[in-house]
Amino acid sequence: MIIKIFVTIFVVFAISRAILRHRDGSVKSAALLIWITIWSGILFFVWWPKVSDYIAQSVGIGRGVDALVYISIVALFYGMFRIYVKLEFTQREITGLVRKLALKEKNKIKK
């Protein structure tokens, strides 16, 4: 029971952080909705774990916890892929901007 209380407190904290980031413009509305859904889902399965067992067994997985771990790992890898793609794009943009600035400086020095 104590773990359920700790998880509940953490979920409330995480949702409050997402809402604050939305208010300051760091998180878009769609992302806020996704995060609230994820955290609410976590809270739901912590308080009603038998539901995850039922869902897992209906798709051929023994325990609900196992299904949640599988889904979490896949989601984490997808998130890492998205971050990697964005990082590569940002690096290319920065490189392009630095090249343009360097050429402008070079042309100023020649004149």
PDB file of N, CA and C in Angstrom:
ATOM      1  N   MET A   1       0.819  -1.198   0.000  1.00  0.00           N
ATOM      2  CA  MET A   1       0.000   0.000   0.000  1.00  0.00           C
ATOM      3  C   MET A   1       0.864   1.263   0.000  1.00  0.00           C
ATOM      4  N   ILE A   2       2.002   1.215   0.686  1.00  0.00           N
ATOM      5  CA  ILE A   2       2.856   2.391   0.784  1.00  0.00           C
ATOM      6  C   ILE A   2       3.413   2.789  -0.584  1.00  0.00           C
ATOM      7  N   ILE A   3       3.721   1.779  -1.431  1.00  0.00           N
ATOM      8  CA  ILE A   3       4.243   2.081  -2.765  1.00  0.00           C
ATOM      9  C   ILE A   3       3.187   2.796  -3.608  1.00  0.00           C
ATOM     10  N   LYS A   4       1.942   2.426  -3.427  1.00  0.00           N
ATOM     11  CA  LYS A   4       0.864   3.086  -4.166  1.00  0.00           C
ATOM     12  C   LYS A   4       0.784   4.565  -3.798  1.00  0.00           C
ATOM     13  N   ILE A   5       0.982   4.858  -2.537  1.00  0.00           N
ATOM     14  CA  ILE A   5       0.943   6.253  -2.084  1.00  0.00           C
ATOM     15  C   ILE A   5       2.133   7.027  -2.644  1.00  0.00           C
ATOM     16  N   PHE A   6       3.327   6.421  -2.598  1.00  0.00           N
ATOM     17  CA  PHE A   6       4.505   7.093  -3.148  1.00  0.00           C
ATOM     18  C   PHE A   6       4.358   7.345  -4.651  1.00  0.00           C
ATOM     19  N   VAL A   7       3.866   6.346  -5.370  1.00  0.00           N
ATOM     20  CA  VAL A   7       3.670   6.517  -6.812  1.00  0.00           C
ATOM     21  C   VAL A   7       2.630   7.599  -7.083  1.00  0.00           C
ATOM     22  N   THR A   8       1.565   7.616  -6.309  1.00  0.00           N
ATOM     23  CA  THR A   8       0.529   8.638  -6.476  1.00  0.00           C
ATOM     24  C   THR A   8       1.107  10.035  -6.267  1.00  0.00           C
ATOM     25  N   ILE A   9       1.904  10.196  -5.223  1.00  0.00           N
ATOM     26  CA  ILE A   9       2.528  11.499  -4.959  1.00  0.00           C
ATOM     27  C   ILE A   9       3.442  11.890  -6.119  1.00  0.00           C
ATOM     28  N   PHE A  10       4.237  10.934  -6.605  1.00  0.00           N
ATOM     29  CA  PHE A  10       5.140  11.227  -7.710  1.00  0.00           C
ATOM     30  C   PHE A  10       4.375  11.584  -8.982  1.00  0.00           C
ATOM     31  N   VAL A  11       3.288  10.860  -9.265  1.00  0.00           N
ATOM     32  CA  VAL A  11       2.491  11.142 -10.464  1.00  0.00           C
ATOM     33  C   VAL A  11       1.890  12.540 -10.384  1.00  0.00           C
ATOM     34  N   VAL A  12       1.371  12.907  -9.234  1.00  0.00           N
ATOM     35  CA  VAL A  12       0.826  14.260  -9.062  1.00  0.00           C
ATOM     36  C   VAL A  12       1.928  15.295  -9.288  1.00  0.00           C
ATOM     37  N   PHE A  13       3.112  15.027  -8.751  1.00  0.00           N
ATOM     38  CA  PHE A  13       4.254  15.918  -8.959  1.00  0.00           C
ATOM     39  C   PHE A  13       4.602  16.013 -10.449  1.00  0.00           C
ATOM     40  N   ALA A  14       4.685  14.875 -11.131  1.00  0.00           N
ATOM     41  CA  ALA A  14       5.059  14.862 -12.550  1.00  0.00           C
ATOM     42  C   ALA A  14       4.019  15.601 -13.396  1.00  0.00           C
ATOM     43  N   ILE A  15       2.749  15.393 -13.115  1.00  0.00           N
ATOM     44  CA  ILE A  15       1.702  16.095 -13.868  1.00  0.00           C
ATOM     45  C   ILE A  15       1.778  17.591 -13.595  1.00  0.00           C
ATOM     46  N   SER A  16       2.043  17.972 -12.352  1.00  0.00           N
ATOM     47  CA  SER A  16       2.151  19.408 -12.042  1.00  0.00           C
ATOM     48  C   SER A  16       3.324  20.038 -12.791  1.00  0.00           C
ATOM     49  N   ARG A  17       4.439  19.305 -12.924  1.00  0.00           N
ATOM     50  CA  ARG A  17       5.591  19.819 -13.684  1.00  0.00           C
ATOM     51  C   ARG A  17       5.237  19.977 -15.158  1.00  0.00           C
ATOM     52  N   ALA A  18       4.504  19.016 -15.703  1.00  0.00           N
ATOM     53  CA  ALA A  18       4.100  19.102 -17.108  1.00  0.00           C
ATOM     54  C   ALA A  18       3.190  20.306 -17.332  1.00  0.00           C
ATOM     55  N   ILE A  19       2.275  20.534 -16.404  1.00  0.00           N
ATOM     56  CA  ILE A  19       1.370  21.681 -16.522  1.00  0.00           C
ATOM     57  C   ILE A  19       2.148  22.989 -16.419  1.00  0.00           C
ATOM     58  N   LEU A  20       3.089  23.062 -15.495  1.00  0.00           N
ATOM     59  CA  LEU A  20       3.917  24.275 -15.376  1.00  0.00           C
ATOM     60  C   LEU A  20       4.734  24.522 -16.642  1.00  0.00           C
ATOM     61  N   ARG A  21       5.293  23.464 -17.226  1.00  0.00           N
ATOM     62  CA  ARG A  21       6.060  23.617 -18.472  1.00  0.00           C
ATOM     63  C   ARG A  21       5.140  24.047 -19.621  1.00  0.00           C
ATOM     64  N   HIS A  22       3.901  23.614 -19.584  1.00  0.00           N
ATOM     65  CA  HIS A  22       2.920  24.043 -20.590  1.00  0.00           C
ATOM     66  C   HIS A  22       2.611  25.530 -20.422  1.00  0.00           C
ATOM     67  N   ARG A  23       2.449  25.955 -19.201  1.00  0.00           N
ATOM     68  CA  ARG A  23       2.137  27.363 -18.941  1.00  0.00           C
ATOM     69  C   ARG A  23       3.269  28.297 -19.357  1.00  0.00           C
ATOM     70  N   ASP A  24       4.526  27.856 -19.191  1.00  0.00           N
ATOM     71  CA  ASP A  24       5.636  28.728 -19.591  1.00  0.00           C
ATOM     72  C   ASP A  24       6.007  28.557 -21.066  1.00  0.00           C
ATOM     73  N   GLY A  25       5.269  27.708 -21.779  1.00  0.00           N
ATOM     74  CA  GLY A  25       5.468  27.570 -23.215  1.00  0.00           C
ATOM     75  C   GLY A  25       6.479  26.518 -23.625  1.00  0.00           C
ATOM     76  N   SER A  26       7.052  25.797 -22.675  1.00  0.00           N
ATOM     77  CA  SER A  26       8.046  24.765 -23.006  1.00  0.00           C
ATOM     78  C   SER A  26       7.423  23.498 -23.573  1.00  0.00           C
ATOM     79  N   VAL A  27       6.172  23.241 -23.221  1.00  0.00           N
ATOM     80  CA  VAL A  27       5.479  22.031 -23.658  1.00  0.00           C
ATOM     81  C   VAL A  27       4.205  22.434 -24.389  1.00  0.00           C
ATOM     82  N   LYS A  28       4.019  21.877 -25.578  1.00  0.00           N
ATOM     83  CA  LYS A  28       2.813  22.168 -26.361  1.00  0.00           C
ATOM     84  C   LYS A  28       1.612  21.445 -25.770  1.00  0.00           C
ATOM     85  N   SER A  29       0.431  21.863 -26.174  1.00  0.00           N
ATOM     86  CA  SER A  29      -0.806  21.281 -25.641  1.00  0.00           C
ATOM     87  C   SER A  29      -0.910  19.793 -25.937  1.00  0.00           C
ATOM     88  N   ALA A  30      -0.537  19.384 -27.147  1.00  0.00           N
ATOM     89  CA  ALA A  30      -0.609  17.962 -27.501  1.00  0.00           C
ATOM     90  C   ALA A  30       0.331  17.143 -26.622  1.00  0.00           C
ATOM     91  N   ALA A  31       1.535  17.652 -26.393  1.00  0.00           N
ATOM     92  CA  ALA A  31       2.494  16.941 -25.541  1.00  0.00           C
ATOM     93  C   ALA A  31       1.987  16.877 -24.105  1.00  0.00           C
ATOM     94  N   LEU A  32       1.374  17.963 -23.640  1.00  0.00           N
ATOM     95  CA  LEU A  32       0.809  17.969 -22.291  1.00  0.00           C
ATOM     96  C   LEU A  32      -0.248  16.876 -22.155  1.00  0.00           C
ATOM     97  N   LEU A  33      -1.106  16.769 -23.141  1.00  0.00           N
ATOM     98  CA  LEU A  33      -2.148  15.743 -23.121  1.00  0.00           C
ATOM     99  C   LEU A  33      -1.534  14.343 -23.102  1.00  0.00           C
ATOM    100  N   ILE A  34      -0.484  14.137 -23.885  1.00  0.00           N
ATOM    101  CA  ILE A  34       0.182  12.833 -23.906  1.00  0.00           C
ATOM    102  C   ILE A  34       0.782  12.511 -22.544  1.00  0.00           C
ATOM    103  N   TRP A  35       1.479  13.492 -21.937  1.00  0.00           N
ATOM    104  CA  TRP A  35       2.098  13.244 -20.631  1.00  0.00           C
ATOM    105  C   TRP A  35       1.064  12.998 -19.540  1.00  0.00           C
ATOM    106  N   ILE A  36      -0.010  13.760 -19.566  1.00  0.00           N
ATOM    107  CA  ILE A  36      -1.063  13.532 -18.561  1.00  0.00           C
ATOM    108  C   ILE A  36      -1.671  12.141 -18.743  1.00  0.00           C
ATOM    109  N   THR A  37      -1.851  11.720 -19.987  1.00  0.00           N
ATOM    110  CA  THR A  37      -2.391  10.390 -20.260  1.00  0.00           C
ATOM    111  C   THR A  37      -1.439   9.295 -19.771  1.00  0.00           C
ATOM    112  N   ILE A  38      -0.153   9.465 -20.057  1.00  0.00           N
ATOM    113  CA  ILE A  38       0.837   8.467 -19.610  1.00  0.00           C
ATOM    114  C   ILE A  38       0.858   8.366 -18.092  1.00  0.00           C
ATOM    115  N   TRP A  39       0.963   9.501 -17.421  1.00  0.00           N
ATOM    116  CA  TRP A  39       1.035   9.482 -15.958  1.00  0.00           C
ATOM    117  C   TRP A  39      -0.257   8.977 -15.331  1.00  0.00           C
ATOM    118  N   SER A  40      -1.390   9.327 -15.931  1.00  0.00           N
ATOM    119  CA  SER A  40      -2.671   8.825 -15.418  1.00  0.00           C
ATOM    120  C   SER A  40      -2.768   7.311 -15.610  1.00  0.00           C
ATOM    121  N   GLY A  41      -2.266   6.817 -16.747  1.00  0.00           N
ATOM    122  CA  GLY A  41      -2.251   5.372 -16.995  1.00  0.00           C
ATOM    123  C   GLY A  41      -1.402   4.646 -15.971  1.00  0.00           C
ATOM    124  N   ILE A  42      -0.251   5.214 -15.666  1.00  0.00           N
ATOM    125  CA  ILE A  42       0.606   4.617 -14.641  1.00  0.00           C
ATOM    126  C   ILE A  42      -0.139   4.551 -13.316  1.00  0.00           C
ATOM    127  N   LEU A  43      -0.767   5.647 -12.961  1.00  0.00           N
ATOM    128  CA  LEU A  43      -1.518   5.687 -11.705  1.00  0.00           C
ATOM    129  C   LEU A  43      -2.650   4.655 -11.705  1.00  0.00           C
ATOM    130  N   PHE A  44      -3.349   4.540 -12.822  1.00  0.00           N
ATOM    131  CA  PHE A  44      -4.446   3.573 -12.933  1.00  0.00           C
ATOM    132  C   PHE A  44      -3.946   2.154 -12.691  1.00  0.00           C
ATOM    133  N   PHE A  45      -2.845   1.768 -13.359  1.00  0.00           N
ATOM    134  CA  PHE A  45      -2.349   0.400 -13.231  1.00  0.00           C
ATOM    135  C   PHE A  45      -1.709   0.127 -11.873  1.00  0.00           C
ATOM    136  N   VAL A  46      -1.244   1.165 -11.196  1.00  0.00           N
ATOM    137  CA  VAL A  46      -0.714   0.973  -9.836  1.00  0.00           C
ATOM    138  C   VAL A  46      -1.862   0.661  -8.879  1.00  0.00           C
ATOM    139  N   TRP A  47      -2.967   1.356  -9.040  1.00  0.00           N
ATOM    140  CA  TRP A  47      -4.089   1.147  -8.123  1.00  0.00           C
ATOM    141  C   TRP A  47      -4.950  -0.058  -8.502  1.00  0.00           C
ATOM    142  N   TRP A  48      -4.992  -0.429  -9.786  1.00  0.00           N
ATOM    143  CA  TRP A  48      -5.778  -1.571 -10.246  1.00  0.00           C
ATOM    144  C   TRP A  48      -4.908  -2.495 -11.107  1.00  0.00           C
ATOM    145  N   PRO A  49      -3.964  -3.194 -10.496  1.00  0.00           N
ATOM    146  CA  PRO A  49      -3.033  -4.038 -11.260  1.00  0.00           C
ATOM    147  C   PRO A  49      -3.691  -5.242 -11.937  1.00  0.00           C
ATOM    148  N   LYS A  50      -4.805  -5.687 -11.446  1.00  0.00           N
ATOM    149  CA  LYS A  50      -5.481  -6.843 -12.046  1.00  0.00           C
ATOM    150  C   LYS A  50      -5.939  -6.543 -13.475  1.00  0.00           C
ATOM    151  N   VAL A  51      -6.206  -5.287 -13.760  1.00  0.00           N
ATOM    152  CA  VAL A  51      -6.602  -4.902 -15.117  1.00  0.00           C
ATOM    153  C   VAL A  51      -5.450  -5.179 -16.086  1.00  0.00           C
ATOM    154  N   SER A  52      -4.235  -4.858 -15.673  1.00  0.00           N
ATOM    155  CA  SER A  52      -3.078  -5.121 -16.547  1.00  0.00           C
ATOM    156  C   SER A  52      -2.869  -6.627 -16.724  1.00  0.00           C
ATOM    157  N   ASP A  53      -3.151  -7.424 -15.699  1.00  0.00           N
ATOM    158  CA  ASP A  53      -3.054  -8.880 -15.832  1.00  0.00           C
ATOM    159  C   ASP A  53      -4.049  -9.389 -16.867  1.00  0.00           C
ATOM    160  N   TYR A  54      -5.259  -8.887 -16.800  1.00  0.00           N
ATOM    161  CA  TYR A  54      -6.300  -9.310 -17.744  1.00  0.00           C
ATOM    162  C   TYR A  54      -5.909  -8.944 -19.174  1.00  0.00           C
ATOM    163  N   ILE A  55      -5.446  -7.712 -19.368  1.00  0.00           N
ATOM    164  CA  ILE A  55      -5.053  -7.264 -20.712  1.00  0.00           C
ATOM    165  C   ILE A  55      -3.877  -8.094 -21.219  1.00  0.00           C
ATOM    166  N   ALA A  56      -2.889  -8.320 -20.357  1.00  0.00           N
ATOM    167  CA  ALA A  56      -1.705  -9.090 -20.760  1.00  0.00           C
ATOM    168  C   ALA A  56      -2.078 -10.515 -21.157  1.00  0.00           C
ATOM    169  N   GLN A  57      -2.912 -11.140 -20.381  1.00  0.00           N
ATOM    170  CA  GLN A  57      -3.300 -12.515 -20.694  1.00  0.00           C
ATOM    171  C   GLN A  57      -4.102 -12.590 -21.985  1.00  0.00           C
ATOM    172  N   SER A  58      -4.856 -11.543 -22.285  1.00  0.00           N
ATOM    173  CA  SER A  58      -5.642 -11.565 -23.516  1.00  0.00           C
ATOM    174  C   SER A  58      -4.769 -11.444 -24.766  1.00  0.00           C
ATOM    175  N   VAL A  59      -3.521 -10.955 -24.619  1.00  0.00           N
ATOM    176  CA  VAL A  59      -2.617 -10.874 -25.769  1.00  0.00           C
ATOM    177  C   VAL A  59      -1.494 -11.912 -25.682  1.00  0.00           C
ATOM    178  N   GLY A  60      -1.592 -12.842 -24.729  1.00  0.00           N
ATOM    179  CA  GLY A  60      -0.655 -13.948 -24.655  1.00  0.00           C
ATOM    180  C   GLY A  60       0.560 -13.728 -23.773  1.00  0.00           C
ATOM    181  N   ILE A  61       0.514 -12.738 -22.902  1.00  0.00           N
ATOM    182  CA  ILE A  61       1.612 -12.500 -21.965  1.00  0.00           C
ATOM    183  C   ILE A  61       1.121 -12.901 -20.583  1.00  0.00           C
ATOM    184  N   GLY A  62       1.988 -13.554 -19.832  1.00  0.00           N
ATOM    185  CA  GLY A  62       1.594 -14.121 -18.537  1.00  0.00           C
ATOM    186  C   GLY A  62       1.136 -13.120 -17.499  1.00  0.00           C
ATOM    187  N   ARG A  63       1.947 -12.071 -17.275  1.00  0.00           N
ATOM    188  CA  ARG A  63       1.619 -11.121 -16.209  1.00  0.00           C
ATOM    189  C   ARG A  63       1.495  -9.713 -16.767  1.00  0.00           C
ATOM    190  N   GLY A  64       0.684  -8.922 -16.117  1.00  0.00           N
ATOM    191  CA  GLY A  64       0.489  -7.536 -16.536  1.00  0.00           C
ATOM    192  C   GLY A  64       1.746  -6.709 -16.409  1.00  0.00           C
ATOM    193  N   VAL A  65       2.525  -6.962 -15.370  1.00  0.00           N
ATOM    194  CA  VAL A  65       3.777  -6.236 -15.169  1.00  0.00           C
ATOM    195  C   VAL A  65       4.719  -6.488 -16.342  1.00  0.00           C
ATOM    196  N   ASP A  66       4.777  -7.733 -16.815  1.00  0.00           N
ATOM    197  CA  ASP A  66       5.640  -8.047 -17.959  1.00  0.00           C
ATOM    198  C   ASP A  66       5.212  -7.254 -19.191  1.00  0.00           C
ATOM    199  N   ALA A  67       3.929  -7.196 -19.440  1.00  0.00           N
ATOM    200  CA  ALA A  67       3.429  -6.441 -20.597  1.00  0.00           C
ATOM    201  C   ALA A  67       3.778  -4.965 -20.471  1.00  0.00           C
ATOM    202  N   LEU A  68       3.627  -4.409 -19.285  1.00  0.00           N
ATOM    203  CA  LEU A  68       3.952  -3.006 -19.079  1.00  0.00           C
ATOM    204  C   LEU A  68       5.445  -2.740 -19.267  1.00  0.00           C
ATOM    205  N   VAL A  69       6.278  -3.668 -18.833  1.00  0.00           N
ATOM    206  CA  VAL A  69       7.724  -3.513 -19.022  1.00  0.00           C
ATOM    207  C   VAL A  69       8.057  -3.571 -20.508  1.00  0.00           C
ATOM    208  N   TYR A  70       7.466  -4.502 -21.252  1.00  0.00           N
ATOM    209  CA  TYR A  70       7.714  -4.594 -22.694  1.00  0.00           C
ATOM    210  C   TYR A  70       7.318  -3.302 -23.394  1.00  0.00           C
ATOM    211  N   ILE A  71       6.137  -2.818 -23.072  1.00  0.00           N
ATOM    212  CA  ILE A  71       5.650  -1.578 -23.693  1.00  0.00           C
ATOM    213  C   ILE A  71       6.555  -0.407 -23.325  1.00  0.00           C
ATOM    214  N   SER A  72       6.986  -0.354 -22.077  1.00  0.00           N
ATOM    215  CA  SER A  72       7.860   0.731 -21.625  1.00  0.00           C
ATOM    216  C   SER A  72       9.194   0.717 -22.356  1.00  0.00           C
ATOM    217  N   ILE A  73       9.768  -0.457 -22.531  1.00  0.00           N
ATOM    218  CA  ILE A  73      11.051  -0.551 -23.232  1.00  0.00           C
ATOM    219  C   ILE A  73      10.906  -0.091 -24.676  1.00  0.00           C
ATOM    220  N   VAL A  74       9.861  -0.530 -25.341  1.00  0.00           N
ATOM    221  CA  VAL A  74       9.631  -0.110 -26.727  1.00  0.00           C
ATOM    222  C   VAL A  74       9.436   1.403 -26.789  1.00  0.00           C
ATOM    223  N   ALA A  75       8.660   1.944 -25.873  1.00  0.00           N
ATOM    224  CA  ALA A  75       8.415   3.396 -25.862  1.00  0.00           C
ATOM    225  C   ALA A  75       9.706   4.166 -25.590  1.00  0.00           C
ATOM    226  N   LEU A  76      10.546   3.674 -24.687  1.00  0.00           N
ATOM    227  CA  LEU A  76      11.818   4.343 -24.407  1.00  0.00           C
ATOM    228  C   LEU A  76      12.740   4.337 -25.621  1.00  0.00           C
ATOM    229  N   PHE A  77      12.820   3.203 -26.313  1.00  0.00           N
ATOM    230  CA  PHE A  77      13.648   3.159 -27.509  1.00  0.00           C
ATOM    231  C   PHE A  77      13.115   4.096 -28.593  1.00  0.00           C
ATOM    232  N   TYR A  78      11.807   4.155 -28.743  1.00  0.00           N
ATOM    233  CA  TYR A  78      11.230   5.082 -29.717  1.00  0.00           C
ATOM    234  C   TYR A  78      11.544   6.526 -29.327  1.00  0.00           C
ATOM    235  N   GLY A  79      11.419   6.840 -28.046  1.00  0.00           N
ATOM    236  CA  GLY A  79      11.751   8.185 -27.573  1.00  0.00           C
ATOM    237  C   GLY A  79      13.211   8.524 -27.819  1.00  0.00           C
ATOM    238  N   MET A  80      14.099   7.556 -27.578  1.00  0.00           N
ATOM    239  CA  MET A  80      15.519   7.781 -27.848  1.00  0.00           C
ATOM    240  C   MET A  80      15.758   8.031 -29.336  1.00  0.00           C
ATOM    241  N   PHE A  81      15.083   7.292 -30.187  1.00  0.00           N
ATOM    242  CA  PHE A  81      15.214   7.487 -31.629  1.00  0.00           C
ATOM    243  C   PHE A  81      14.775   8.893 -32.028  1.00  0.00           C
ATOM    244  N   ARG A  82      13.640   9.325 -31.493  1.00  0.00           N
ATOM    245  CA  ARG A  82      13.146  10.680 -31.807  1.00  0.00           C
ATOM    246  C   ARG A  82      14.129  11.745 -31.355  1.00  0.00           C
ATOM    247  N   ILE A  83      14.678  11.588 -30.172  1.00  0.00           N
ATOM    248  CA  ILE A  83      15.664  12.549 -29.668  1.00  0.00           C
ATOM    249  C   ILE A  83      16.909  12.536 -30.549  1.00  0.00           C
ATOM    250  N   TYR A  84      17.359  11.358 -30.964  1.00  0.00           N
ATOM    251  CA  TYR A  84      18.524  11.245 -31.831  1.00  0.00           C
ATOM    252  C   TYR A  84      18.292  11.985 -33.151  1.00  0.00           C
ATOM    253  N   VAL A  85      17.133  11.775 -33.756  1.00  0.00           N
ATOM    254  CA  VAL A  85      16.824  12.434 -35.030  1.00  0.00           C
ATOM    255  C   VAL A  85      16.806  13.951 -34.855  1.00  0.00           C
ATOM    256  N   LYS A  86      16.194  14.430 -33.796  1.00  0.00           N
ATOM    257  CA  LYS A  86      16.143  15.876 -33.551  1.00  0.00           C
ATOM    258  C   LYS A  86      17.532  16.441 -33.287  1.00  0.00           C
ATOM    259  N   LEU A  87      18.357  15.708 -32.574  1.00  0.00           N
ATOM    260  CA  LEU A  87      19.720  16.146 -32.297  1.00  0.00           C
ATOM    261  C   LEU A  87      20.537  16.242 -33.581  1.00  0.00           C
ATOM    262  N   GLU A  88      20.422  15.247 -34.445  1.00  0.00           N
ATOM    263  CA  GLU A  88      21.121  15.278 -35.730  1.00  0.00           C
ATOM    264  C   GLU A  88      20.672  16.474 -36.569  1.00  0.00           C
ATOM    265  N   PHE A  89      19.378  16.726 -36.610  1.00  0.00           N
ATOM    266  CA  PHE A  89      18.841  17.856 -37.360  1.00  0.00           C
ATOM    267  C   PHE A  89      19.387  19.178 -36.807  1.00  0.00           C
ATOM    268  N   THR A  90      19.388  19.298 -35.487  1.00  0.00           N
ATOM    269  CA  THR A  90      19.888  20.514 -34.840  1.00  0.00           C
ATOM    270  C   THR A  90      21.375  20.711 -35.129  1.00  0.00           C
ATOM    271  N   GLN A  91      22.142  19.634 -35.096  1.00  0.00           N
ATOM    272  CA  GLN A  91      23.570  19.742 -35.397  1.00  0.00           C
ATOM    273  C   GLN A  91      23.801  20.215 -36.828  1.00  0.00           C
ATOM    274  N   ARG A  92      23.018  19.695 -37.767  1.00  0.00           N
ATOM    275  CA  ARG A  92      23.146  20.140 -39.162  1.00  0.00           C
ATOM    276  C   ARG A  92      22.786  21.613 -39.315  1.00  0.00           C
ATOM    277  N   GLU A  93      21.736  22.039 -38.624  1.00  0.00           N
ATOM    278  CA  GLU A  93      21.345  23.448 -38.681  1.00  0.00           C
ATOM    279  C   GLU A  93      22.435  24.352 -38.113  1.00  0.00           C
ATOM    280  N   ILE A  94      22.999  23.980 -36.980  1.00  0.00           N
ATOM    281  CA  ILE A  94      24.057  24.774 -36.359  1.00  0.00           C
ATOM    282  C   ILE A  94      25.277  24.836 -37.270  1.00  0.00           C
ATOM    283  N   THR A  95      25.638  23.711 -37.855  1.00  0.00           N
ATOM    284  CA  THR A  95      26.787  23.687 -38.762  1.00  0.00           C
ATOM    285  C   THR A  95      26.560  24.629 -39.937  1.00  0.00           C
ATOM    286  N   GLY A  96      25.367  24.598 -40.501  1.00  0.00           N
ATOM    287  CA  GLY A  96      25.045  25.495 -41.616  1.00  0.00           C
ATOM    288  C   GLY A  96      25.126  26.956 -41.213  1.00  0.00           C
ATOM    289  N   LEU A  97      24.594  27.282 -40.057  1.00  0.00           N
ATOM    290  CA  LEU A  97      24.626  28.669 -39.583  1.00  0.00           C
ATOM    291  C   LEU A  97      26.054  29.139 -39.318  1.00  0.00           C
ATOM    292  N   VAL A  98      26.862  28.288 -38.723  1.00  0.00           N
ATOM    293  CA  VAL A  98      28.257  28.643 -38.441  1.00  0.00           C
ATOM    294  C   VAL A  98      29.007  28.870 -39.750  1.00  0.00           C
ATOM    295  N   ARG A  99      28.765  28.051 -40.744  1.00  0.00           N
ATOM    296  CA  ARG A  99      29.413  28.233 -42.050  1.00  0.00           C
ATOM    297  C   ARG A  99      29.026  29.578 -42.659  1.00  0.00           C
ATOM    298  N   LYS A 100      27.744  29.893 -42.610  1.00  0.00           N
ATOM    299  CA  LYS A 100      27.286  31.175 -43.172  1.00  0.00           C
ATOM    300  C   LYS A 100      27.928  32.347 -42.444  1.00  0.00           C
ATOM    301  N   LEU A 101      27.964  32.273 -41.110  1.00  0.00           N
ATOM    302  CA  LEU A 101      28.580  33.348 -40.336  1.00  0.00           C
ATOM    303  C   LEU A 101      30.076  33.465 -40.632  1.00  0.00           C
ATOM    304  N   ALA A 102      30.745  32.342 -40.787  1.00  0.00           N
ATOM    305  CA  ALA A 102      32.180  32.361 -41.080  1.00  0.00           C
ATOM    306  C   ALA A 102      32.441  32.985 -42.446  1.00  0.00           C
ATOM    307  N   LEU A 103      31.597  32.664 -43.414  1.00  0.00           N
ATOM    308  CA  LEU A 103      31.767  33.258 -44.750  1.00  0.00           C
ATOM    309  C   LEU A 103      31.492  34.763 -44.732  1.00  0.00           C
ATOM    310  N   LYS A 104      30.508  35.181 -43.952  1.00  0.00           N
ATOM    311  CA  LYS A 104      30.228  36.625 -43.830  1.00  0.00           C
ATOM    312  C   LYS A 104      31.420  37.336 -43.207  1.00  0.00           C
ATOM    313  N   GLU A 105      31.985  36.755 -42.156  1.00  0.00           N
ATOM    314  CA  GLU A 105      33.158  37.355 -41.501  1.00  0.00           C
ATOM    315  C   GLU A 105      34.329  37.424 -42.466  1.00  0.00           C
ATOM    316  N   LYS A 106      34.534  36.379 -43.215  1.00  0.00           N
ATOM    317  CA  LYS A 106      35.639  36.329 -44.167  1.00  0.00           C
ATOM    318  C   LYS A 106      35.474  37.423 -45.226  1.00  0.00           C
ATOM    319  N   ASN A 107      34.264  37.609 -45.712  1.00  0.00           N
ATOM    320  CA  ASN A 107      33.991  38.635 -46.723  1.00  0.00           C
ATOM    321  C   ASN A 107      34.166  40.028 -46.147  1.00  0.00           C
ATOM    322  N   LYS A 108      33.846  40.235 -44.863  1.00  0.00           N
ATOM    323  CA  LYS A 108      34.046  41.540 -44.223  1.00  0.00           C
ATOM    324  C   LYS A 108      35.527  41.857 -44.104  1.00  0.00           C
ATOM    325  N   ILE A 109      36.302  40.855 -43.761  1.00  0.00           N
ATOM    326  CA  ILE A 109      37.750  41.062 -43.593  1.00  0.00           C
ATOM    327  C   ILE A 109      38.409  41.396 -44.931  1.00  0.00           C
ATOM    328  N   LYS A 110      37.983  40.773 -46.023  1.00  0.00           N
ATOM    329  CA  LYS A 110      38.554  41.033 -47.351  1.00  0.00           C
ATOM    330  C   LYS A 110      38.304  42.455 -47.817  1.00  0.00           C
ATOM    331  N   LYS A 111      37.167  43.016 -47.445  1.00  0.00           N
ATOM    332  CA  LYS A 111      36.801  44.367 -47.918  1.00  0.00           C
ATOM    333  C   LYS A 111      37.542  45.395 -47.207  1.00  0.00           C
TER     334      LYS A 111
END
